Amino acid sequence: MHAIGIDIGGTKIAGALVSENGEIIAEDRQPTPAGDAAHIVDIVSSMITRLQAGHEVVAAGVAAAGFVDAGQSTVYYAPNIDWRNEPLQRYISERVSLPITVDNDANAAGWAEFRFGAGRLLTDMTMLTIGTGVGGAIVTQGRLFRGGFGAGAELGHLRVVPDGLPCGCGARGCIEQYGSGRALLRMANGIADAGGIGLALADARSRHGELNGTIVGEMIAAGDPGAVNALQELGRWLGQACASLAAVLDPQVFVFGGGVSVAGDLLLDPIRESFLQHLPARGYHPEPGFVIAELVNDAGVVGAADLARIHAGRR
């Protein structure tokens, strides 16, 4: 049986009709209307109706950034949309003829990787999505971890530096400030300011007016020493965070997604090295693997659809 997955992003709303094997049958894309929460509900509802037409569909799942309650119905808070305690499931259910579930976007992406991607042969997986910020998902004994209130697995806000850099969440020293795409740009700018191996970064910044993710990513791929050094620093922080997570969660694998993950082994190698340096009781128990996510841009819609199918009892 098919299910529909919707992924509400900061710039676009993606939708897909997804088979029970995680295959995308049909897709839809619409721009996310800025500052118009009610219009988003209309777009999502219309998208579900279009994707449902002519198909047997058992449920639809909606993934959004922010905190979602454990009952998969209400968005407590969304950072890019004016939602506070928004009963999103009810609003959409009033407009479509399908069971609706709502989940965090990182949970949806992580679940897709667990079911159909890098974690499909395992029972315990931790995923970190390295984009502008750091998202996370935890699967333990085959179940997605949400916590008592649905706000668990906010891995980007694991503190790695007491009284460190201020974070948008209101705390200081979160891994998001040291292991995200935004952090990579800060590190690259710092290396550019220092000269030496940063001369090429400084030149690129001068020519383009500023450094951005595309520029730094291309320089990493080309092997520029300054850009690679910034990525290695990022990886060391992520490895330290993973060592702390492993002590609590004991996953079989860490999966890395998001835009920065396209660096592949250039990212994974410093993560592994730092992880082993910080891992408690190393040598006395098995150690997890470190891999890059497989589903890339489709993970959100595939995971949202599969979670909705499971919630409807049609796995």
Protein backbone atom coordinates (compact mmCIF):
# COMPACT_ATOMS: atom_id res chain seq x y z
CA MET A 1 0.00 0.00 0.00
CA HIS A 2 1.21 3.49 -0.83
CA ALA A 3 1.55 6.38 1.58
CA ILE A 4 2.21 10.08 1.05
CA GLY A 5 5.11 11.97 2.59
CA ILE A 6 5.35 15.75 2.86
CA ASP A 7 8.52 17.58 3.92
CA ILE A 8 8.03 21.25 4.84
CA GLY A 9 11.34 23.02 4.32
CA GLY A 10 12.41 26.61 4.73
CA THR A 11 12.26 27.33 0.98
CA LYS A 12 10.18 24.50 -0.51
CA ILE A 13 7.49 21.98 0.37
CA ALA A 14 8.25 18.56 -1.11
CA GLY A 15 5.69 15.81 -1.47
CA ALA A 16 5.83 12.24 -2.74
CA LEU A 17 3.71 9.16 -3.18
CA VAL A 18 5.83 6.36 -1.71
CA SER A 19 5.50 2.58 -1.97
CA GLU A 20 5.85 0.28 1.03
CA ASN A 21 9.39 -0.46 -0.21
CA GLY A 22 10.40 3.19 -0.01
CA GLU A 23 10.19 3.80 -3.77
CA ILE A 24 8.90 7.17 -4.96
CA ILE A 25 5.97 6.78 -7.36
CA ALA A 26 5.10 10.44 -7.91
CA GLU A 27 6.44 13.79 -6.70
CA ASP A 28 5.33 17.37 -6.18
CA ARG A 29 7.16 20.57 -5.22
CA GLN A 30 5.90 23.99 -4.17
CA PRO A 31 7.72 27.02 -2.74
CA THR A 32 7.20 27.59 0.98
CA PRO A 33 5.24 30.84 1.44
CA ALA A 34 7.21 33.11 3.74
CA GLY A 35 5.45 34.05 6.96
CA ASP A 36 2.08 32.56 5.98
CA ALA A 37 1.35 29.56 8.21
CA ALA A 38 -2.27 29.20 7.07
CA HIS A 39 -1.24 29.09 3.41
CA ILE A 40 1.20 26.29 4.21
CA VAL A 41 -1.68 24.16 5.50
CA ASP A 42 -3.58 24.83 2.26
CA ILE A 43 -0.57 23.92 0.10
CA VAL A 44 0.09 20.70 2.03
CA SER A 45 -3.57 19.66 1.90
CA SER A 46 -3.81 20.31 -1.84
CA MET A 47 -0.56 18.44 -2.44
CA ILE A 48 -1.85 15.40 -0.56
CA THR A 49 -5.08 15.45 -2.59
CA ARG A 50 -3.18 15.62 -5.90
CA LEU A 51 -0.79 12.81 -4.97
CA GLN A 52 -3.65 10.64 -3.71
CA ALA A 53 -5.69 10.91 -6.92
CA GLY A 54 -5.98 7.57 -8.73
CA HIS A 55 -4.00 5.59 -6.14
CA GLU A 56 -4.70 3.41 -3.13
CA VAL A 57 -3.21 5.40 -0.26
CA VAL A 58 -3.42 4.40 3.40
CA ALA A 59 -2.06 7.51 5.15
CA ALA A 60 -0.07 10.72 4.81
CA GLY A 61 2.80 11.95 6.96
CA VAL A 62 3.99 15.53 7.31
CA ALA A 63 7.54 16.36 8.43
CA ALA A 64 8.51 19.82 9.68
CA ALA A 65 11.44 21.37 11.50
CA GLY A 66 10.89 22.01 15.20
CA PHE A 67 9.36 20.28 18.19
CA VAL A 68 6.47 17.86 17.56
CA ASP A 69 4.50 16.20 20.36
CA ALA A 70 4.89 12.49 21.10
CA GLY A 71 1.40 11.86 19.72
CA GLN A 72 2.57 13.02 16.27
CA SER A 73 -0.16 15.63 15.94
CA THR A 74 0.91 19.05 17.24
CA VAL A 75 3.88 21.26 16.38
CA TYR A 76 5.01 22.86 19.64
CA TYR A 77 7.37 25.21 17.85
CA ALA A 78 8.78 25.60 14.34
CA PRO A 79 11.81 27.86 13.85
CA ASN A 80 11.02 29.06 10.32
CA ILE A 81 7.21 29.18 10.52
CA ASP A 82 4.97 31.05 12.94
CA TRP A 83 3.69 27.90 14.63
CA ARG A 84 3.25 27.65 18.40
CA ASN A 85 1.26 24.65 19.67
CA GLU A 86 -0.16 24.31 16.17
CA PRO A 87 -2.62 21.37 15.84
CA LEU A 88 -1.31 20.63 12.37
CA GLN A 89 -2.72 17.11 12.19
CA ARG A 90 -6.25 18.38 12.87
CA TYR A 91 -6.01 21.24 10.39
CA ILE A 92 -4.87 18.97 7.57
CA SER A 93 -7.27 16.15 8.51
CA GLU A 94 -10.17 18.58 8.09
CA ARG A 95 -9.14 19.08 4.46
CA VAL A 96 -8.18 15.57 3.28
CA SER A 97 -9.66 12.08 3.51
CA LEU A 98 -6.63 10.25 4.92
CA PRO A 99 -5.15 9.52 8.36
CA ILE A 100 -2.50 12.19 9.02
CA THR A 101 0.60 12.05 11.21
CA VAL A 102 3.09 14.82 11.94
CA ASP A 103 6.75 14.38 12.85
CA ASN A 104 10.03 16.23 13.12
CA ASP A 105 11.89 16.43 9.79
CA ALA A 106 15.12 14.98 11.18
CA ASN A 107 13.17 12.05 12.64
CA ALA A 108 11.59 11.42 9.24
CA ALA A 109 14.93 11.53 7.43
CA GLY A 110 16.57 9.29 10.02
CA TRP A 111 13.75 6.77 9.84
CA ALA A 112 14.05 6.61 6.06
CA GLU A 113 17.77 5.84 6.35
CA PHE A 114 17.03 3.17 8.94
CA ARG A 115 14.31 1.47 6.91
CA PHE A 116 15.61 1.86 3.36
CA GLY A 117 19.11 3.34 3.43
CA ALA A 118 22.35 3.13 5.36
CA GLY A 119 20.83 1.51 8.47
CA ARG A 120 18.45 -0.96 6.84
CA LEU A 121 20.20 -4.12 8.10
CA LEU A 122 20.62 -2.89 11.68
CA THR A 123 18.59 -2.36 14.85
CA ASP A 124 20.35 0.66 16.41
CA MET A 125 21.37 3.76 14.47
CA THR A 126 22.13 7.38 15.23
CA MET A 127 21.91 9.93 12.43
CA LEU A 128 23.29 13.45 12.36
CA THR A 129 22.20 15.80 9.59
CA ILE A 130 24.90 18.39 8.97
CA GLY A 131 23.33 21.33 7.19
CA THR A 132 23.03 24.96 8.23
CA GLY A 133 22.49 23.53 11.71
CA VAL A 134 22.77 20.01 13.12
CA GLY A 135 19.73 17.73 13.21
CA GLY A 136 19.51 14.27 14.64
CA ALA A 137 17.53 11.05 14.82
CA ILE A 138 17.91 8.04 17.09
CA VAL A 139 16.68 4.53 16.37
CA THR A 140 17.09 2.02 19.18
CA GLN A 141 15.98 -1.61 18.97
CA GLY A 142 14.13 -0.81 15.77
CA ARG A 143 12.10 2.05 17.23
CA LEU A 144 12.40 5.77 16.65
CA PHE A 145 13.22 7.58 19.88
CA ARG A 146 11.11 10.69 20.54
CA GLY A 147 11.29 11.08 24.31
CA GLY A 148 8.47 11.61 26.78
CA PHE A 149 7.21 14.82 25.20
CA GLY A 150 8.31 14.28 21.59
CA ALA A 151 11.21 16.72 21.79
CA GLY A 152 14.00 14.16 22.16
CA ALA A 153 16.94 13.54 19.80
CA GLU A 154 17.79 17.25 19.45
CA LEU A 155 21.38 16.16 18.95
CA GLY A 156 22.51 19.53 17.63
CA HIS A 157 22.11 20.89 21.14
CA LEU A 158 24.38 18.44 22.87
CA ARG A 159 26.81 20.67 24.75
CA VAL A 160 30.47 20.09 23.88
CA VAL A 161 32.01 23.31 25.25
CA PRO A 162 30.85 24.60 28.66
CA ASP A 163 30.18 28.35 28.33
CA GLY A 164 31.15 28.11 24.66
CA LEU A 165 29.73 29.96 21.68
CA PRO A 166 26.12 31.17 22.07
CA CYS A 167 23.53 29.06 20.26
CA GLY A 168 20.19 30.07 18.81
CA CYS A 169 18.50 27.75 21.31
CA GLY A 170 19.56 30.06 24.15
CA ALA A 171 22.35 27.84 25.52
CA ARG A 172 26.10 27.98 24.92
CA GLY A 173 28.55 25.47 23.53
CA CYS A 174 26.13 23.29 21.54
CA ILE A 175 27.63 21.04 18.88
CA GLU A 176 25.59 23.00 16.32
CA GLN A 177 27.99 25.89 16.87
CA TYR A 178 31.02 23.69 16.12
CA GLY A 179 29.80 20.95 13.76
CA SER A 180 27.37 22.58 11.32
CA GLY A 181 27.60 24.18 7.89
CA ARG A 182 27.41 27.57 9.56
CA ALA A 183 30.33 26.59 11.80
CA LEU A 184 32.31 25.42 8.76
CA LEU A 185 31.98 28.88 7.21
CA ARG A 186 33.09 30.53 10.44
CA MET A 187 36.13 28.25 10.60
CA ALA A 188 36.95 28.87 6.93
CA ASN A 189 36.78 32.63 7.46
CA GLY A 190 39.06 32.32 10.47
CA ILE A 191 41.61 30.39 8.42
CA ALA A 192 41.33 32.98 5.63
CA ASP A 193 42.04 35.75 8.14
CA ALA A 194 45.16 33.97 9.41
CA GLY A 195 46.90 33.81 6.01
CA GLY A 196 49.23 30.87 5.31
CA ILE A 197 47.13 27.92 4.16
CA GLY A 198 44.15 30.27 4.13
CA LEU A 199 45.39 32.47 1.28
CA ALA A 200 43.21 30.77 -1.32
CA LEU A 201 40.17 31.10 0.95
CA ALA A 202 40.96 34.78 1.44
CA ASP A 203 41.28 35.25 -2.32
CA ALA A 204 37.95 33.50 -2.96
CA ARG A 205 36.29 35.67 -0.31
CA SER A 206 37.71 38.79 -1.92
CA ARG A 207 36.52 37.78 -5.40
CA HIS A 208 33.01 36.74 -4.34
CA GLY A 209 32.43 39.23 -1.53
CA GLU A 210 31.99 36.45 1.03
CA LEU A 211 32.47 32.73 1.49
CA ASN A 212 29.46 30.45 1.21
CA GLY A 213 28.82 26.73 1.39
CA THR A 214 29.15 26.20 -2.35
CA ILE A 215 32.51 27.97 -2.57
CA VAL A 216 33.99 26.21 0.46
CA GLY A 217 32.57 22.86 -0.69
CA GLU A 218 34.18 23.22 -4.11
CA MET A 219 37.50 24.14 -2.51
CA ILE A 220 37.30 21.11 -0.22
CA ALA A 221 36.63 18.87 -3.23
CA ALA A 222 39.61 20.43 -5.02
CA GLY A 223 41.85 19.67 -2.04
CA ASP A 224 42.55 23.26 -0.96
CA PRO A 225 44.57 22.96 2.30
CA GLY A 226 42.73 25.76 4.09
CA ALA A 227 39.25 24.51 3.23
CA VAL A 228 40.18 20.91 4.09
CA ASN A 229 41.63 22.11 7.40
CA ALA A 230 38.30 23.77 8.25
CA LEU A 231 36.46 20.53 7.45
CA GLN A 232 38.88 18.53 9.60
CA GLU A 233 38.27 20.86 12.53
CA LEU A 234 34.53 20.40 12.04
CA GLY A 235 34.99 16.63 11.95
CA ARG A 236 36.99 16.64 15.18
CA TRP A 237 34.14 18.35 17.01
CA LEU A 238 31.60 15.93 15.57
CA GLY A 239 33.75 12.97 16.58
CA GLN A 240 33.89 14.25 20.15
CA ALA A 241 30.10 14.60 20.22
CA CYS A 242 29.66 11.10 18.78
CA ALA A 243 31.86 9.64 21.52
CA SER A 244 29.53 11.09 24.14
CA LEU A 245 26.48 9.86 22.25
CA ALA A 246 27.96 6.37 21.91
CA ALA A 247 28.45 6.15 25.66
CA VAL A 248 24.70 6.65 26.11
CA LEU A 249 23.15 5.09 23.01
CA ASP A 250 25.63 2.41 21.86
CA PRO A 251 24.54 2.57 18.19
CA GLN A 252 25.78 0.10 15.61
CA VAL A 253 26.36 2.94 13.16
CA PHE A 254 26.49 6.72 12.94
CA VAL A 255 24.96 8.01 9.70
CA PHE A 256 25.77 11.50 8.42
CA GLY A 257 23.46 13.37 6.07
CA GLY A 258 22.93 16.98 5.01
CA GLY A 259 24.86 19.20 2.63
CA VAL A 260 28.23 18.89 4.36
CA SER A 261 28.10 15.08 4.11
CA VAL A 262 28.87 15.24 0.37
CA ALA A 263 32.52 15.55 1.46
CA GLY A 264 32.41 11.80 2.16
CA ASP A 265 35.57 10.36 3.69
CA LEU A 266 37.11 13.82 3.98
CA LEU A 267 34.46 14.37 6.66
CA LEU A 268 34.31 10.84 8.07
CA ASP A 269 38.07 10.38 8.59
CA PRO A 270 38.52 13.19 11.16
CA ILE A 271 35.23 12.17 12.80
CA ARG A 272 36.49 8.61 13.29
CA GLU A 273 39.89 9.75 14.55
CA SER A 274 38.41 12.15 17.09
CA PHE A 275 35.77 9.62 18.11
CA LEU A 276 38.39 7.03 18.98
CA GLN A 277 40.37 9.59 20.99
CA HIS A 278 37.34 10.46 23.12
CA LEU A 279 35.49 7.12 23.31
CA PRO A 280 35.18 5.85 26.91
CA ALA A 281 36.49 2.33 27.64
CA ARG A 282 37.86 1.88 24.14
CA GLY A 283 38.90 -1.69 23.39
CA TYR A 284 36.43 -3.27 25.78
CA HIS A 285 33.37 -3.32 23.52
CA PRO A 286 32.48 -3.21 19.80
CA GLU A 287 32.71 0.16 18.09
CA PRO A 288 30.16 1.67 15.70
CA GLY A 289 30.61 2.30 12.01
CA PHE A 290 30.56 5.73 10.36
CA VAL A 291 28.82 6.09 7.00
CA ILE A 292 27.28 8.69 4.72
CA ALA A 293 23.49 8.70 4.26
CA GLU A 294 22.19 7.08 1.09
CA LEU A 295 18.81 8.70 0.43
CA VAL A 296 19.99 12.33 0.29
CA ASN A 297 17.15 14.70 -0.71
CA ASP A 298 14.38 12.07 -0.66
CA ALA A 299 14.83 11.00 2.96
CA GLY A 300 12.31 13.44 4.45
CA VAL A 301 9.37 12.48 2.24
CA VAL A 302 10.17 8.75 2.28
CA GLY A 303 10.48 8.70 6.07
CA ALA A 304 7.34 10.78 6.62
CA ALA A 305 5.36 8.42 4.39
CA ASP A 306 6.64 5.28 6.11
CA LEU A 307 6.00 6.66 9.60
CA ALA A 308 2.44 7.51 8.56
CA ARG A 309 1.94 4.01 7.18
CA ILE A 310 3.18 2.48 10.43
CA HIS A 311 1.03 4.83 12.53
CA ALA A 312 -1.99 3.70 10.50
CA GLY A 313 -1.11 0.07 11.23
CA ARG A 314 -0.24 -0.81 7.64
CA ARG A 315 3.48 -1.55 7.76
